[in-house]
């Protein structure tokens, strides 16, 4: 089971922009974000919403459609679902995001990643797409390091650990 219905495998440029189950998945993730904030006291501005593959696509969709402020939005080997337009970035402030993709990924095609990058730029979404030479649908060490550096650059507050568990 996935977050929402995927129309083709491997996922390519023809993938739909309004998949079945997207709205339900969005509601679920937004509720999860609310629950995390309520149970931990951590504000959304210190939370990075991220995912891999279909989860990365959903993280971008929810993160850029989230009314509040998020610490950042991360997608690894994902794609931008709403490439056909008809989407307004919510939350007022600029959203911080990083998306990574493989140039020869056999599951999420490079063409889809590039089309996603262009569509997000047309929306005025500032952030970064980083492309890595890999055939696998996964992450190489250099990609993990790029993600680590990006998260470290976000200035989310206190470092993890400490007396309050990093809150």
Protein backbone atom coordinates (compact mmCIF):
# COMPACT_ATOMS: atom_id res chain seq x y z
CA UNK A 1 0.00 0.00 0.00
CA UNK A 2 1.20 3.50 -0.79
CA UNK A 3 0.21 7.00 0.21
CA UNK A 4 -1.84 7.54 -2.96
CA UNK A 5 -2.46 5.83 -6.29
CA UNK A 6 0.47 5.81 -8.71
CA UNK A 7 -0.57 5.53 -12.34
CA UNK A 8 2.57 4.04 -13.87
CA UNK A 9 5.65 2.11 -12.92
CA UNK A 10 8.31 3.25 -13.28
CA UNK A 11 6.98 6.71 -12.43
CA UNK A 12 7.45 8.95 -15.45
CA UNK A 13 6.50 12.34 -16.87
CA UNK A 14 3.01 11.10 -17.75
CA UNK A 15 2.21 10.48 -14.05
CA UNK A 16 -1.06 12.16 -13.14
CA UNK A 17 -1.22 15.42 -11.22
CA UNK A 18 -4.38 14.58 -9.23
CA UNK A 19 -3.89 10.98 -8.05
CA UNK A 20 -6.61 9.07 -6.20
CA UNK A 21 -6.02 9.16 -2.45
CA UNK A 22 -3.91 12.35 -2.46
CA UNK A 23 -6.39 14.39 -0.42
CA UNK A 24 -6.74 11.64 2.20
CA UNK A 25 -2.95 11.29 2.48
CA UNK A 26 -2.61 15.07 2.84
CA UNK A 27 -5.17 15.15 5.67
CA UNK A 28 -3.36 12.26 7.42
CA UNK A 29 0.06 13.96 7.28
CA UNK A 30 -1.30 17.33 8.44
CA UNK A 31 -2.99 15.58 11.38
CA UNK A 32 0.29 13.83 12.15
CA UNK A 33 2.12 17.18 12.19
CA UNK A 34 -0.51 18.58 14.56
CA UNK A 35 -0.23 15.52 16.83
CA UNK A 36 3.57 15.82 16.97
CA UNK A 37 3.33 19.48 17.95
CA UNK A 38 0.67 18.81 20.59
CA UNK A 39 2.40 15.82 22.15
CA UNK A 40 5.95 17.23 22.18
CA UNK A 41 5.55 21.00 22.31
CA UNK A 42 7.90 21.29 19.32
CA UNK A 43 6.67 24.10 17.05
CA UNK A 44 6.17 23.37 13.36
CA UNK A 45 8.92 25.87 12.56
CA UNK A 46 11.39 23.32 13.97
CA UNK A 47 10.02 20.31 12.09
CA UNK A 48 11.43 19.10 8.77
CA UNK A 49 8.81 17.19 6.82
CA UNK A 50 10.48 14.71 4.53
CA UNK A 51 10.03 11.50 2.66
CA UNK A 52 11.47 9.07 0.16
CA UNK A 53 9.99 8.35 -3.28
CA UNK A 54 6.20 8.55 -3.04
CA UNK A 55 6.63 9.85 0.52
CA UNK A 56 8.93 12.56 -0.80
CA UNK A 57 6.33 13.59 -3.36
CA UNK A 58 3.74 13.75 -0.59
CA UNK A 59 6.10 15.69 1.72
CA UNK A 60 6.57 18.36 -0.97
CA UNK A 61 2.84 18.53 -1.64
CA UNK A 62 1.86 18.81 2.03
CA UNK A 63 4.81 21.00 3.04
CA UNK A 64 4.15 23.60 0.38
CA UNK A 65 0.40 23.43 1.06
CA UNK A 66 0.85 23.77 4.84
CA UNK A 67 -0.63 26.95 6.33
CA UNK A 68 1.97 27.20 9.08
CA UNK A 69 5.70 27.56 9.05
CA UNK A 70 7.81 24.41 8.72
CA UNK A 71 11.51 24.11 9.44
CA UNK A 72 11.94 22.63 5.97
CA UNK A 73 10.61 20.23 3.38
CA UNK A 74 12.73 17.35 2.06
CA UNK A 75 12.14 14.92 -0.79
CA UNK A 76 14.58 12.17 -1.70
CA UNK A 77 13.86 10.45 -5.03
CA UNK A 78 10.41 12.05 -5.17
CA UNK A 79 8.60 14.29 -7.62
CA UNK A 80 6.32 17.34 -7.65
CA UNK A 81 2.75 16.08 -7.98
CA UNK A 82 1.07 19.32 -9.10
CA UNK A 83 3.14 19.90 -12.25
CA UNK A 84 0.05 21.07 -14.16
CA UNK A 85 -0.29 24.28 -12.13
CA UNK A 86 -3.40 25.11 -10.18
CA UNK A 87 -1.44 25.16 -6.94
CA UNK A 88 -0.75 28.05 -4.60
CA UNK A 89 2.04 27.86 -2.05
CA UNK A 90 0.53 28.54 1.38
CA UNK A 91 1.97 29.82 4.60
CA UNK A 92 3.05 33.29 3.49
CA UNK A 93 6.77 32.98 4.12
CA UNK A 94 9.20 31.35 1.77
CA UNK A 95 9.32 27.61 2.25
CA UNK A 96 12.72 25.99 2.60
CA UNK A 97 13.03 22.78 0.64
CA UNK A 98 15.50 20.35 -0.81
CA UNK A 99 14.70 17.67 -3.35
CA UNK A 100 17.22 15.12 -4.55
CA UNK A 101 16.98 12.84 -7.56
CA UNK A 102 19.07 10.34 -9.45
CA UNK A 103 20.05 11.06 -13.04
CA UNK A 104 19.50 7.43 -13.99
CA UNK A 105 16.93 6.39 -11.35
CA UNK A 106 15.03 3.42 -12.75
CA UNK A 107 11.90 4.02 -10.61
CA UNK A 108 11.35 7.81 -10.64
CA UNK A 109 12.56 9.00 -14.02
CA UNK A 110 15.02 11.88 -14.39
CA UNK A 111 12.66 13.55 -16.88
CA UNK A 112 9.96 13.68 -14.21
CA UNK A 113 12.42 15.18 -11.70
CA UNK A 114 13.48 17.89 -14.18
CA UNK A 115 9.85 18.63 -15.09
CA UNK A 116 9.07 18.88 -11.36
CA UNK A 117 11.97 21.29 -10.87
CA UNK A 118 10.70 23.55 -13.70
CA UNK A 119 7.10 23.49 -12.45
CA UNK A 120 8.15 24.47 -8.93
CA UNK A 121 10.34 27.29 -10.27
CA UNK A 122 7.32 28.61 -12.20
CA UNK A 123 5.43 28.71 -8.89
CA UNK A 124 8.21 30.82 -7.41
CA UNK A 125 9.24 28.11 -4.96
CA UNK A 126 12.78 28.79 -3.95
CA UNK A 127 14.86 25.92 -2.86
CA UNK A 128 17.03 23.40 -4.40
CA UNK A 129 16.96 20.36 -6.54
CA UNK A 130 20.18 18.40 -6.40
CA UNK A 131 20.84 15.69 -8.94
CA UNK A 132 23.15 12.77 -8.28
CA UNK A 133 24.59 10.26 -10.69
CA UNK A 134 22.97 7.05 -9.54
CA UNK A 135 20.98 4.30 -11.20
CA UNK A 136 19.41 2.99 -8.04
CA UNK A 137 16.23 4.23 -6.47
CA UNK A 138 17.85 5.11 -3.19
CA UNK A 139 20.57 7.27 -1.76
CA UNK A 140 24.31 7.36 -2.08
CA UNK A 141 26.59 8.49 0.73
CA UNK A 142 27.25 11.82 -1.02
CA UNK A 143 23.49 12.42 -1.20
CA UNK A 144 23.02 11.65 2.50
CA UNK A 145 25.82 14.12 3.24
CA UNK A 146 24.10 16.82 1.12
CA UNK A 147 20.86 16.24 3.06
CA UNK A 148 22.73 16.40 6.38
CA UNK A 149 24.39 19.70 5.42
CA UNK A 150 21.08 21.16 4.28
CA UNK A 151 19.31 20.20 7.52
CA UNK A 152 22.24 21.61 9.54
CA UNK A 153 21.92 24.90 7.63
CA UNK A 154 18.28 25.37 8.61
CA UNK A 155 18.98 26.83 12.07
CA UNK A 156 16.10 24.99 13.71
CA UNK A 157 17.05 25.98 17.22
CA UNK A 158 18.89 24.05 19.89
CA UNK A 159 20.91 21.03 18.87
CA UNK A 160 19.45 17.63 19.57
CA UNK A 161 20.19 16.28 23.00
CA UNK A 162 20.51 18.62 25.93
CA UNK A 163 18.34 18.61 29.02
CA UNK A 164 15.05 18.97 27.18
CA UNK A 165 15.77 16.26 24.58
CA UNK A 166 16.41 18.83 21.85
CA UNK A 167 13.05 20.60 22.11
